[in-house]
Amino acid sequence: MSSEEKIVLKQLEKLMEWWEGSVSEAGLPCKSLLLSILSKSYRMAARESVSPEEQAIKPAVQYILKYYNEKITLQQLSREVGLTPSYFGKLFKAATGDSPITYVHRVRVEKAIELLGIGFTCNEIAAMVGFEDPFYFSKVFKKIVGLSPRAYLNSGYQSELLDRQTIL
């Protein structure tokens, strides 16, 4: 059993624990955990059949994962794979379900989640993960997670992450 499969099983156990416990505050964390499980399951299944689109964008995904905390533009990413920005954007969306910039935001938010419980302020975390404006960071975080960074931290839901390290 791969490490990713073990993580999915652990997440399913946690989800069942929350579900059986009927904790009223667990609704949003349950949804977030379920999305994580579905995402990982999909990636594990998809790994067996890699499309040409996924192969074409793989260098861009690796670039995003490496330089998520720096300014990343569509032009930079399209240069990484040798395609026009327009065509690259279409391929990327077809392969990941997200636009390139939305994907960058998701990676940054996932990295921010890792940092939230360590004691950094939201402003510090925003800068550390590549957002120049802390208010924009908070807005993007809430759009992706469903809670503001502070509300997420206060919810106690810090143990499970939407791990995109293994995508493609």
Foldseek 3Di string as FASTA:
>chain_A
DDPLVVLLVVLVVVLVVCVVVVDVLCVLVSVQSVVLSVLSVVQVVCVVPQDPLNVLQVQLVVVLLVPLLEDDDLCNSCVSRVHDSVVNQVSVCVQPVDGSVLVSLLSLLLVLLQVLVVDDDLCVSCNRRHHPDSVVNQVSNCVVRVHGSVVCVVSVSRDDTSDPPPHD
